[in-house]
Amino acid sequence: MTKAELRRNYKRKRSLLSEAQISLFNAGILNQLLQFDWNGNHYVHTFLPIVGQNEPDMWSFITNTRIYYPDIHIVVSRSELKDRSMKHFLLADNVVLEENVWGIVEPVDGETVAETLLDVVLVPLLVVDKAGNRIGYGKGFYDRFLAKCRSDCQKIGVSLFEPVEKIDDVDPLDVPLDMVITPYSAIPFSR
């Protein structure tokens, strides 16, 4: 299937999930993330969920990381609409968060973090294929961002659904993931 077809199908699938299903899926994703050994990582970037889009709840992961890995710096982004880039900030207790035009909660300001410092990026998506190619909302923000990260930065997708076989129209500028976390598994992609 094409990106447009998959995007439409998985947005619909996600919108039809009940609160009970979303809660169960979020618990499974958190369980998968907690099985990782996060030692040795200094900067972990995560997305903040768009609740209205039933995105995975990353707040529980943030809370657990702060408790069990207090030396890890949690980093979140703000979308720069003028050039479709992202600016990254430490998620400190005093950071003010506001909702943008797409319903994404973002930092207003704070201490900036360069992409080259990131050890892990947890990436939102609608669906991913078995080669690690992801489909987001189609604006290209994450592909531009991930292209600036170090080659050893782990790019880990977080998905409510298992991977599909293949995305038919992968673009050369699409940045593939190293792994995807689903409610039931952690699936590495070979390169």
N, C-alpha and C. Protein backbone atom coordinates (compact mmCIF):
# COMPACT_ATOMS: atom_id res chain seq x y z
N MET A 1 0.83 -1.19 0.00
CA MET A 1 0.00 0.00 0.00
C MET A 1 0.88 1.26 0.00
N THR A 2 0.30 2.34 -0.44
CA THR A 2 1.02 3.61 -0.46
C THR A 2 0.94 4.29 0.91
N LYS A 3 1.79 5.31 1.09
CA LYS A 3 1.77 6.08 2.34
C LYS A 3 0.40 6.68 2.59
N ALA A 4 -0.19 7.28 1.54
CA ALA A 4 -1.49 7.93 1.70
C ALA A 4 -2.56 6.93 2.14
N GLU A 5 -2.56 5.75 1.53
CA GLU A 5 -3.54 4.73 1.90
C GLU A 5 -3.33 4.25 3.33
N LEU A 6 -2.08 3.97 3.67
CA LEU A 6 -1.78 3.51 5.02
C LEU A 6 -2.06 4.59 6.06
N ARG A 7 -1.70 5.83 5.75
CA ARG A 7 -1.95 6.94 6.68
C ARG A 7 -3.46 7.04 6.97
N ARG A 8 -4.26 7.01 5.92
CA ARG A 8 -5.71 7.10 6.07
C ARG A 8 -6.25 5.91 6.89
N ASN A 9 -5.81 4.70 6.55
CA ASN A 9 -6.29 3.49 7.24
C ASN A 9 -5.91 3.49 8.72
N TYR A 10 -4.66 3.84 9.04
CA TYR A 10 -4.20 3.75 10.43
C TYR A 10 -4.67 4.92 11.28
N LYS A 11 -4.91 6.06 10.68
CA LYS A 11 -5.55 7.15 11.43
C LYS A 11 -6.97 6.71 11.83
N ARG A 12 -7.65 6.08 10.91
CA ARG A 12 -9.01 5.60 11.20
C ARG A 12 -8.96 4.50 12.26
N LYS A 13 -8.06 3.53 12.10
CA LYS A 13 -7.95 2.44 13.08
C LYS A 13 -7.70 2.99 14.49
N ARG A 14 -6.80 3.97 14.56
CA ARG A 14 -6.47 4.55 15.87
C ARG A 14 -7.65 5.31 16.45
N SER A 15 -8.41 6.00 15.59
CA SER A 15 -9.56 6.77 16.07
C SER A 15 -10.67 5.88 16.60
N LEU A 16 -10.72 4.64 16.16
CA LEU A 16 -11.77 3.71 16.58
C LEU A 16 -11.43 2.94 17.86
N LEU A 17 -10.23 3.11 18.39
CA LEU A 17 -9.85 2.40 19.61
C LEU A 17 -10.65 2.92 20.80
N SER A 18 -11.07 2.01 21.66
CA SER A 18 -11.78 2.41 22.88
C SER A 18 -10.76 2.88 23.92
N GLU A 19 -11.24 3.56 24.93
CA GLU A 19 -10.36 3.99 26.02
C GLU A 19 -9.69 2.80 26.69
N ALA A 20 -10.43 1.71 26.83
CA ALA A 20 -9.88 0.49 27.44
C ALA A 20 -8.75 -0.09 26.59
N GLN A 21 -8.93 -0.11 25.27
CA GLN A 21 -7.88 -0.61 24.38
C GLN A 21 -6.65 0.29 24.44
N ILE A 22 -6.85 1.59 24.41
CA ILE A 22 -5.73 2.53 24.46
C ILE A 22 -4.97 2.36 25.77
N SER A 23 -5.69 2.21 26.86
CA SER A 23 -5.06 2.02 28.17
C SER A 23 -4.23 0.73 28.19
N LEU A 24 -4.78 -0.34 27.64
CA LEU A 24 -4.07 -1.62 27.57
C LEU A 24 -2.83 -1.50 26.69
N PHE A 25 -2.96 -0.87 25.53
CA PHE A 25 -1.82 -0.69 24.64
C PHE A 25 -0.74 0.16 25.29
N ASN A 26 -1.13 1.24 25.97
CA ASN A 26 -0.15 2.09 26.65
C ASN A 26 0.60 1.32 27.74
N ALA A 27 -0.10 0.48 28.47
CA ALA A 27 0.56 -0.33 29.50
C ALA A 27 1.57 -1.29 28.86
N GLY A 28 1.20 -1.88 27.73
CA GLY A 28 2.12 -2.78 27.02
C GLY A 28 3.35 -2.06 26.51
N ILE A 29 3.17 -0.86 25.95
CA ILE A 29 4.30 -0.08 25.45
C ILE A 29 5.23 0.30 26.60
N LEU A 30 4.66 0.76 27.71
CA LEU A 30 5.49 1.10 28.86
C LEU A 30 6.27 -0.11 29.34
N ASN A 31 5.61 -1.27 29.40
CA ASN A 31 6.29 -2.50 29.82
C ASN A 31 7.46 -2.82 28.89
N GLN A 32 7.26 -2.68 27.59
CA GLN A 32 8.35 -2.94 26.64
C GLN A 32 9.51 -1.96 26.86
N LEU A 33 9.19 -0.68 27.05
CA LEU A 33 10.24 0.33 27.26
C LEU A 33 10.99 0.11 28.56
N LEU A 34 10.29 -0.37 29.59
CA LEU A 34 10.94 -0.58 30.89
C LEU A 34 11.88 -1.80 30.88
N GLN A 35 11.75 -2.66 29.88
CA GLN A 35 12.64 -3.82 29.78
C GLN A 35 14.02 -3.46 29.23
N PHE A 36 14.15 -2.26 28.66
CA PHE A 36 15.44 -1.81 28.14
C PHE A 36 16.38 -1.45 29.28
N ASP A 37 17.67 -1.65 29.06
CA ASP A 37 18.67 -1.12 29.97
C ASP A 37 19.07 0.25 29.42
N TRP A 38 18.61 1.29 30.08
CA TRP A 38 18.83 2.65 29.61
C TRP A 38 20.16 3.22 30.10
N ASN A 39 20.92 2.44 30.90
CA ASN A 39 22.22 2.92 31.38
C ASN A 39 23.13 3.23 30.18
N GLY A 40 23.94 4.26 30.33
CA GLY A 40 24.86 4.65 29.27
C GLY A 40 24.27 5.66 28.31
N ASN A 41 22.97 5.89 28.38
CA ASN A 41 22.32 6.93 27.57
C ASN A 41 22.25 8.20 28.40
N HIS A 42 22.63 9.30 27.79
CA HIS A 42 22.63 10.57 28.52
C HIS A 42 21.49 11.48 28.09
N TYR A 43 21.14 11.45 26.80
CA TYR A 43 20.07 12.29 26.27
C TYR A 43 19.09 11.41 25.50
N VAL A 44 17.86 11.35 25.99
CA VAL A 44 16.80 10.56 25.36
C VAL A 44 15.69 11.52 24.95
N HIS A 45 15.43 11.57 23.66
CA HIS A 45 14.38 12.42 23.12
C HIS A 45 13.09 11.61 23.04
N THR A 46 12.01 12.20 23.48
CA THR A 46 10.70 11.56 23.33
C THR A 46 9.70 12.58 22.80
N PHE A 47 8.65 12.07 22.21
CA PHE A 47 7.56 12.93 21.78
C PHE A 47 6.56 13.05 22.92
N LEU A 48 5.81 14.13 22.91
CA LEU A 48 4.70 14.28 23.84
C LEU A 48 3.44 13.99 23.05
N PRO A 49 2.57 13.13 23.57
CA PRO A 49 1.45 12.61 22.77
C PRO A 49 0.38 13.64 22.44
N ILE A 50 -0.18 13.49 21.25
CA ILE A 50 -1.37 14.24 20.86
C ILE A 50 -2.56 13.39 21.33
N VAL A 51 -3.15 13.78 22.44
CA VAL A 51 -4.21 12.99 23.05
C VAL A 51 -5.39 12.81 22.09
N GLY A 52 -5.74 13.85 21.36
CA GLY A 52 -6.86 13.78 20.43
C GLY A 52 -6.63 12.83 19.27
N GLN A 53 -5.37 12.41 19.06
CA GLN A 53 -5.04 11.46 17.98
C GLN A 53 -4.77 10.06 18.53
N ASN A 54 -5.02 9.85 19.83
CA ASN A 54 -4.77 8.55 20.48
C ASN A 54 -3.34 8.09 20.32
N GLU A 55 -2.39 9.03 20.40
CA GLU A 55 -0.98 8.64 20.35
C GLU A 55 -0.57 7.97 21.66
N PRO A 56 0.44 7.11 21.60
CA PRO A 56 0.91 6.46 22.83
C PRO A 56 1.28 7.48 23.90
N ASP A 57 0.93 7.15 25.14
CA ASP A 57 1.18 8.03 26.28
C ASP A 57 2.62 7.87 26.75
N MET A 58 3.44 8.86 26.46
CA MET A 58 4.85 8.81 26.84
C MET A 58 5.11 9.40 28.23
N TRP A 59 4.09 9.99 28.85
CA TRP A 59 4.29 10.60 30.18
C TRP A 59 4.69 9.57 31.23
N SER A 60 4.14 8.35 31.16
CA SER A 60 4.52 7.30 32.12
C SER A 60 5.99 6.91 31.94
N PHE A 61 6.42 6.85 30.68
CA PHE A 61 7.83 6.57 30.40
C PHE A 61 8.72 7.67 30.98
N ILE A 62 8.34 8.92 30.79
CA ILE A 62 9.11 10.05 31.31
C ILE A 62 9.21 9.95 32.83
N THR A 63 8.09 9.70 33.50
CA THR A 63 8.08 9.58 34.97
C THR A 63 8.99 8.46 35.43
N ASN A 64 8.87 7.28 34.80
CA ASN A 64 9.70 6.13 35.19
C ASN A 64 11.19 6.38 34.93
N THR A 65 11.50 7.04 33.83
CA THR A 65 12.90 7.33 33.52
C THR A 65 13.49 8.27 34.58
N ARG A 66 12.72 9.26 34.97
CA ARG A 66 13.20 10.20 36.00
C ARG A 66 13.44 9.50 37.34
N ILE A 67 12.65 8.49 37.64
CA ILE A 67 12.80 7.76 38.90
C ILE A 67 13.99 6.80 38.84
N TYR A 68 14.03 5.97 37.80
CA TYR A 68 15.01 4.89 37.73
C TYR A 68 16.32 5.25 37.04
N TYR A 69 16.31 6.30 36.25
CA TYR A 69 17.52 6.75 35.54
C TYR A 69 17.65 8.26 35.67
N PRO A 70 17.87 8.75 36.89
CA PRO A 70 17.87 10.20 37.11
C PRO A 70 18.97 10.95 36.36
N ASP A 71 19.99 10.25 35.88
CA ASP A 71 21.06 10.92 35.14
C ASP A 71 20.72 11.15 33.66
N ILE A 72 19.63 10.54 33.20
CA ILE A 72 19.23 10.74 31.81
C ILE A 72 18.50 12.07 31.67
N HIS A 73 18.88 12.81 30.65
CA HIS A 73 18.21 14.07 30.32
C HIS A 73 17.10 13.75 29.32
N ILE A 74 15.87 14.08 29.67
CA ILE A 74 14.75 13.90 28.76
C ILE A 74 14.66 15.15 27.89
N VAL A 75 14.54 14.94 26.59
CA VAL A 75 14.50 16.04 25.62
C VAL A 75 13.19 15.94 24.84
N VAL A 76 12.54 17.10 24.64
CA VAL A 76 11.32 17.18 23.83
C VAL A 76 11.48 18.31 22.82
N SER A 77 10.60 18.35 21.84
CA SER A 77 10.77 19.30 20.74
C SER A 77 9.63 20.29 20.63
N ARG A 78 9.94 21.35 19.91
CA ARG A 78 8.94 22.32 19.47
C ARG A 78 9.04 22.38 17.95
N SER A 79 7.89 22.32 17.29
CA SER A 79 7.84 22.41 15.83
C SER A 79 7.98 23.86 15.40
N GLU A 80 8.87 24.09 14.45
CA GLU A 80 9.06 25.42 13.88
C GLU A 80 8.31 25.44 12.55
N LEU A 81 7.13 26.04 12.56
CA LEU A 81 6.23 25.97 11.40
C LEU A 81 6.80 26.63 10.15
N LYS A 82 7.59 27.70 10.33
CA LYS A 82 8.08 28.46 9.17
C LYS A 82 8.97 27.63 8.25
N ASP A 83 9.76 26.71 8.82
CA ASP A 83 10.65 25.91 7.97
C ASP A 83 10.51 24.40 8.20
N ARG A 84 9.46 24.02 8.93
CA ARG A 84 9.18 22.61 9.22
C ARG A 84 10.36 21.89 9.86
N SER A 85 11.04 22.60 10.74
CA SER A 85 12.13 21.99 11.51
C SER A 85 11.65 21.78 12.95
N MET A 86 12.53 21.25 13.76
CA MET A 86 12.21 21.05 15.18
C MET A 86 13.36 21.62 16.00
N LYS A 87 13.00 22.24 17.12
CA LYS A 87 13.97 22.75 18.07
C LYS A 87 13.80 21.93 19.34
N HIS A 88 14.90 21.52 19.96
CA HIS A 88 14.87 20.55 21.06
C HIS A 88 15.26 21.21 22.38
N PHE A 89 14.54 20.80 23.44
CA PHE A 89 14.73 21.39 24.76
C PHE A 89 14.77 20.31 25.83
N LEU A 90 15.57 20.57 26.89
CA LEU A 90 15.51 19.71 28.07
C LEU A 90 14.13 19.85 28.69
N LEU A 91 13.56 18.74 29.09
CA LEU A 91 12.26 18.77 29.76
C LEU A 91 12.52 18.91 31.26
N ALA A 92 12.76 20.13 31.69
CA ALA A 92 12.99 20.44 33.10
C ALA A 92 11.66 20.74 33.77
N ASP A 93 11.66 20.68 35.11
CA ASP A 93 10.43 20.92 35.87
C ASP A 93 9.84 22.30 35.62
N ASN A 94 10.69 23.27 35.30
CA ASN A 94 10.20 24.64 35.13
C ASN A 94 9.84 25.00 33.68
N VAL A 95 9.91 24.05 32.78
CA VAL A 95 9.60 24.32 31.37
C VAL A 95 8.09 24.47 31.21
N VAL A 96 7.70 25.55 30.56
CA VAL A 96 6.29 25.81 30.27
C VAL A 96 5.92 25.11 28.97
N LEU A 97 4.82 24.34 29.00
CA LEU A 97 4.35 23.62 27.82
C LEU A 97 3.04 24.23 27.34
N GLU A 98 2.92 24.35 26.02
CA GLU A 98 1.68 24.86 25.41
C GLU A 98 1.33 23.99 24.22
N GLU A 99 0.03 23.95 23.91
CA GLU A 99 -0.45 23.19 22.76
C GLU A 99 -0.31 24.02 21.49
N ASN A 100 0.24 23.40 20.42
CA ASN A 100 0.38 24.13 19.15
C ASN A 100 -0.88 23.94 18.30
N VAL A 101 -0.83 24.41 17.06
CA VAL A 101 -2.00 24.38 16.18
C VAL A 101 -2.46 22.95 15.84
N TRP A 102 -1.59 21.96 15.98
CA TRP A 102 -1.95 20.57 15.70
C TRP A 102 -2.32 19.79 16.96
N GLY A 103 -2.36 20.46 18.10
CA GLY A 103 -2.70 19.78 19.35
C GLY A 103 -1.51 19.12 20.01
N ILE A 104 -0.30 19.43 19.56
CA ILE A 104 0.92 18.87 20.16
C ILE A 104 1.36 19.78 21.30
N VAL A 105 1.57 19.20 22.47
CA VAL A 105 2.07 19.95 23.61
C VAL A 105 3.58 20.11 23.43
N GLU A 106 4.05 21.37 23.50
CA GLU A 106 5.45 21.67 23.22
C GLU A 106 6.01 22.66 24.24
N PRO A 107 7.34 22.63 24.42
CA PRO A 107 7.96 23.64 25.29
C PRO A 107 7.93 25.02 24.63
N VAL A 108 7.66 26.03 25.44
CA VAL A 108 7.68 27.40 24.94
C VAL A 108 9.12 27.86 24.77
N ASP A 109 9.95 27.50 25.73
CA ASP A 109 11.35 27.90 25.73
C ASP A 109 12.10 26.99 26.70
N GLY A 110 13.37 27.22 26.87
CA GLY A 110 14.15 26.42 27.80
C GLY A 110 15.57 26.24 27.31
N GLU A 111 16.26 25.29 27.92
CA GLU A 111 17.64 24.99 27.53
C GLU A 111 17.63 24.12 26.29
N THR A 112 18.24 24.60 25.21
CA THR A 112 18.23 23.87 23.95
C THR A 112 19.25 22.73 23.96
N VAL A 113 18.97 21.73 23.14
CA VAL A 113 19.83 20.55 23.02
C VAL A 113 20.05 20.28 21.53
N ALA A 114 21.30 20.13 21.13
CA ALA A 114 21.62 19.83 19.73
C ALA A 114 21.29 18.37 19.41
N GLU A 115 20.88 18.13 18.17
CA GLU A 115 20.55 16.77 17.73
C GLU A 115 21.74 15.83 17.93
N THR A 116 22.94 16.33 17.79
CA THR A 116 24.14 15.49 17.89
C THR A 116 24.40 14.96 19.30
N LEU A 117 23.71 15.49 20.30
CA LEU A 117 23.86 14.99 21.67
C LEU A 117 22.95 13.80 21.97
N LEU A 118 21.95 13.59 21.13
CA LEU A 118 20.93 12.59 21.43
C LEU A 118 21.45 11.16 21.24
N ASP A 119 21.19 10.33 22.24
CA ASP A 119 21.56 8.91 22.19
C ASP A 119 20.42 8.05 21.66
N VAL A 120 19.20 8.45 22.00
CA VAL A 120 18.00 7.71 21.59
C VAL A 120 16.93 8.73 21.23
N VAL A 121 16.19 8.44 20.17
CA VAL A 121 15.01 9.23 19.82
C VAL A 121 13.83 8.27 19.74
N LEU A 122 12.81 8.52 20.56
CA LEU A 122 11.56 7.77 20.50
C LEU A 122 10.64 8.52 19.56
N VAL A 123 10.24 7.85 18.49
CA VAL A 123 9.59 8.49 17.36
C VAL A 123 8.11 8.10 17.27
N PRO A 124 7.21 9.10 17.16
CA PRO A 124 5.80 8.77 16.96
C PRO A 124 5.55 8.33 15.52
N LEU A 125 4.52 7.55 15.32
CA LEU A 125 4.18 7.11 13.98
C LEU A 125 2.77 6.57 13.93
N LEU A 126 2.25 6.47 12.74
CA LEU A 126 0.96 5.82 12.54
C LEU A 126 1.16 4.33 12.28
N VAL A 127 2.14 4.02 11.42
CA VAL A 127 2.44 2.63 11.10
C VAL A 127 3.87 2.57 10.56
N VAL A 128 4.48 1.41 10.67
CA VAL A 128 5.83 1.17 10.17
C VAL A 128 5.81 -0.14 9.39
N ASP A 129 6.74 -0.28 8.43
CA ASP A 129 6.81 -1.57 7.73
C ASP A 129 7.95 -2.40 8.29
N LYS A 130 8.09 -3.61 7.79
CA LYS A 130 9.06 -4.56 8.34
C LYS A 130 10.51 -4.20 8.02
N ALA A 131 10.72 -3.14 7.24
CA ALA A 131 12.07 -2.65 6.97
C ALA A 131 12.40 -1.41 7.81
N GLY A 132 11.44 -0.98 8.65
CA GLY A 132 11.69 0.17 9.50
C GLY A 132 11.28 1.51 8.91
N ASN A 133 10.60 1.48 7.78
CA ASN A 133 10.11 2.72 7.17
C ASN A 133 8.81 3.11 7.86
N ARG A 134 8.75 4.36 8.33
CA ARG A 134 7.60 4.80 9.11
C ARG A 134 6.71 5.76 8.33
N ILE A 135 5.47 5.80 8.76
CA ILE A 135 4.53 6.79 8.25
C ILE A 135 4.05 7.60 9.44
N GLY A 136 4.26 8.92 9.33
CA GLY A 136 3.73 9.85 10.33
C GLY A 136 2.57 10.60 9.71
N TYR A 137 2.48 11.88 10.03
CA TYR A 137 1.37 12.69 9.51
C TYR A 137 1.68 13.34 8.16
N GLY A 138 2.88 13.13 7.64
CA GLY A 138 3.18 13.56 6.29
C GLY A 138 3.78 14.94 6.13
N LYS A 139 4.22 15.55 7.20
CA LYS A 139 4.80 16.90 7.11
C LYS A 139 6.33 16.88 7.01
N GLY A 140 6.95 15.73 7.32
CA GLY A 140 8.40 15.60 7.18
C GLY A 140 9.25 16.13 8.33
N PHE A 141 8.62 16.57 9.42
CA PHE A 141 9.37 17.11 10.55
C PHE A 141 10.38 16.10 11.09
N TYR A 142 9.93 14.87 11.33
CA TYR A 142 10.82 13.87 11.94
C TYR A 142 11.91 13.41 10.99
N ASP A 143 11.65 13.30 9.70
CA ASP A 143 12.70 12.90 8.77
C ASP A 143 13.81 13.94 8.73
N ARG A 144 13.44 15.22 8.73
CA ARG A 144 14.45 16.29 8.75
C ARG A 144 15.27 16.23 10.05
N PHE A 145 14.56 16.02 11.15
CA PHE A 145 15.20 15.93 12.47
C PHE A 145 16.14 14.73 12.54
N LEU A 146 15.66 13.55 12.20
CA LEU A 146 16.45 12.32 12.34
C LEU A 146 17.68 12.34 11.44
N ALA A 147 17.59 13.02 10.31
CA ALA A 147 18.75 13.12 9.40
C ALA A 147 19.90 13.89 10.04
N LYS A 148 19.62 14.71 11.05
CA LYS A 148 20.65 15.50 11.73
C LYS A 148 21.28 14.79 12.92
N CYS A 149 20.72 13.66 13.32
CA CYS A 149 21.23 12.91 14.48
C CYS A 149 22.49 12.12 14.11
N ARG A 150 23.28 11.78 15.11
CA ARG A 150 24.47 10.96 14.89
C ARG A 150 24.07 9.60 14.30
N SER A 151 24.97 8.97 13.61
CA SER A 151 24.67 7.67 13.00
C SER A 151 24.44 6.59 14.05
N ASP A 152 25.02 6.75 15.26
CA ASP A 152 24.83 5.75 16.31
C ASP A 152 23.64 6.07 17.22
N CYS A 153 22.92 7.13 16.95
CA CYS A 153 21.71 7.46 17.71
C CYS A 153 20.65 6.41 17.37
N GLN A 154 20.07 5.80 18.40
CA GLN A 154 19.04 4.79 18.20
C GLN A 154 17.70 5.46 17.89
N LYS A 155 17.12 5.14 16.75
CA LYS A 155 15.85 5.70 16.32
C LYS A 155 14.78 4.62 16.52
N ILE A 156 13.98 4.81 17.58
CA ILE A 156 13.03 3.79 18.00
C ILE A 156 11.61 4.30 17.84
N GLY A 157 10.85 3.67 16.95
CA GLY A 157 9.45 4.03 16.77
C GLY A 157 8.60 3.48 17.89
N VAL A 158 7.51 4.16 18.19
CA VAL A 158 6.55 3.71 19.20
C VAL A 158 5.20 3.62 18.50
N SER A 159 4.65 2.40 18.43
CA SER A 159 3.45 2.17 17.64
C SER A 159 2.41 1.37 18.41
N LEU A 160 1.16 1.73 18.21
CA LEU A 160 0.07 0.93 18.79
C LEU A 160 -0.16 -0.35 18.00
N PHE A 161 0.38 -0.41 16.77
CA PHE A 161 0.11 -1.53 15.88
C PHE A 161 1.40 -2.22 15.44
N GLU A 162 1.27 -3.48 15.08
CA GLU A 162 2.40 -4.25 14.57
C GLU A 162 2.76 -3.75 13.16
N PRO A 163 4.00 -3.99 12.71
CA PRO A 163 4.40 -3.53 11.38
C PRO A 163 3.60 -4.18 10.25
N VAL A 164 3.44 -3.41 9.17
CA VAL A 164 2.86 -3.95 7.94
C VAL A 164 4.02 -4.52 7.11
N GLU A 165 3.68 -5.28 6.11
CA GLU A 165 4.71 -5.92 5.29
C GLU A 165 5.61 -4.90 4.59
N LYS A 166 5.00 -3.95 3.85
CA LYS A 166 5.81 -3.06 3.02
C LYS A 166 5.05 -1.77 2.72
N ILE A 167 5.78 -0.66 2.73
CA ILE A 167 5.26 0.62 2.24
C ILE A 167 5.77 0.75 0.81
N ASP A 168 4.85 0.93 -0.13
CA ASP A 168 5.21 0.89 -1.55
C ASP A 168 5.98 2.11 -2.04
N ASP A 169 5.76 3.27 -1.45
CA ASP A 169 6.36 4.49 -2.00
C ASP A 169 7.30 5.19 -1.01
N VAL A 170 8.29 4.45 -0.53
CA VAL A 170 9.29 5.02 0.37
C VAL A 170 10.13 6.03 -0.40
N ASP A 171 10.35 7.18 0.19
CA ASP A 171 11.12 8.26 -0.42
C ASP A 171 12.58 8.13 0.00
N PRO A 172 13.54 8.48 -0.86
CA PRO A 172 14.95 8.41 -0.49
C PRO A 172 15.31 9.28 0.72
N LEU A 173 14.51 10.31 1.01
CA LEU A 173 14.79 11.18 2.16
C LEU A 173 14.17 10.66 3.45
N ASP A 174 13.36 9.60 3.37
CA ASP A 174 12.79 9.01 4.57
C ASP A 174 13.90 8.34 5.38
N VAL A 175 13.92 8.60 6.68
CA VAL A 175 14.93 8.02 7.56
C VAL A 175 14.33 6.79 8.24
N PRO A 176 14.88 5.60 7.98
CA PRO A 176 14.32 4.39 8.59
C PRO A 176 14.67 4.28 10.08
N LEU A 177 13.84 3.54 10.79
CA LEU A 177 14.03 3.32 12.22
C LEU A 177 14.96 2.13 12.45
N ASP A 178 15.55 2.10 13.64
CA ASP A 178 16.37 0.96 14.06
C ASP A 178 15.53 -0.11 14.72
N MET A 179 14.37 0.32 15.28
CA MET A 179 13.54 -0.60 16.06
C MET A 179 12.16 0.02 16.20
N VAL A 180 11.16 -0.83 16.49
CA VAL A 180 9.84 -0.33 16.85
C VAL A 180 9.39 -1.03 18.12
N ILE A 181 8.75 -0.26 18.98
CA ILE A 181 8.15 -0.79 20.19
C ILE A 181 6.64 -0.81 19.97
N THR A 182 6.02 -1.95 20.20
CA THR A 182 4.56 -2.08 20.12
C THR A 182 4.09 -2.55 21.50
N PRO A 183 2.79 -2.63 21.72
CA PRO A 183 2.32 -3.11 23.02
C PRO A 183 2.77 -4.54 23.35
N TYR A 184 3.17 -5.29 22.32
CA TYR A 184 3.48 -6.70 22.53
C TYR A 184 4.91 -7.09 22.26
N SER A 185 5.71 -6.19 21.68
CA SER A 185 7.06 -6.60 21.30
C SER A 185 7.98 -5.41 21.04
N ALA A 186 9.27 -5.73 21.02
CA ALA A 186 10.30 -4.79 20.59
C ALA A 186 10.95 -5.44 19.37
N ILE A 187 10.79 -4.83 18.20
CA ILE A 187 11.21 -5.44 16.95
C ILE A 187 12.37 -4.65 16.35
N PRO A 188 13.57 -5.26 16.32
CA PRO A 188 14.71 -4.56 15.66
C PRO A 188 14.62 -4.74 14.15
N PHE A 189 15.14 -3.74 13.44
CA PHE A 189 15.21 -3.79 11.98
C PHE A 189 16.67 -3.95 11.58
N SER A 190 16.92 -4.86 10.66
CA SER A 190 18.31 -5.07 10.23
C SER A 190 18.65 -4.09 9.11
N ARG A 191 19.90 -3.67 9.09
CA ARG A 191 20.39 -2.73 8.07
C ARG A 191 21.46 -3.40 7.26
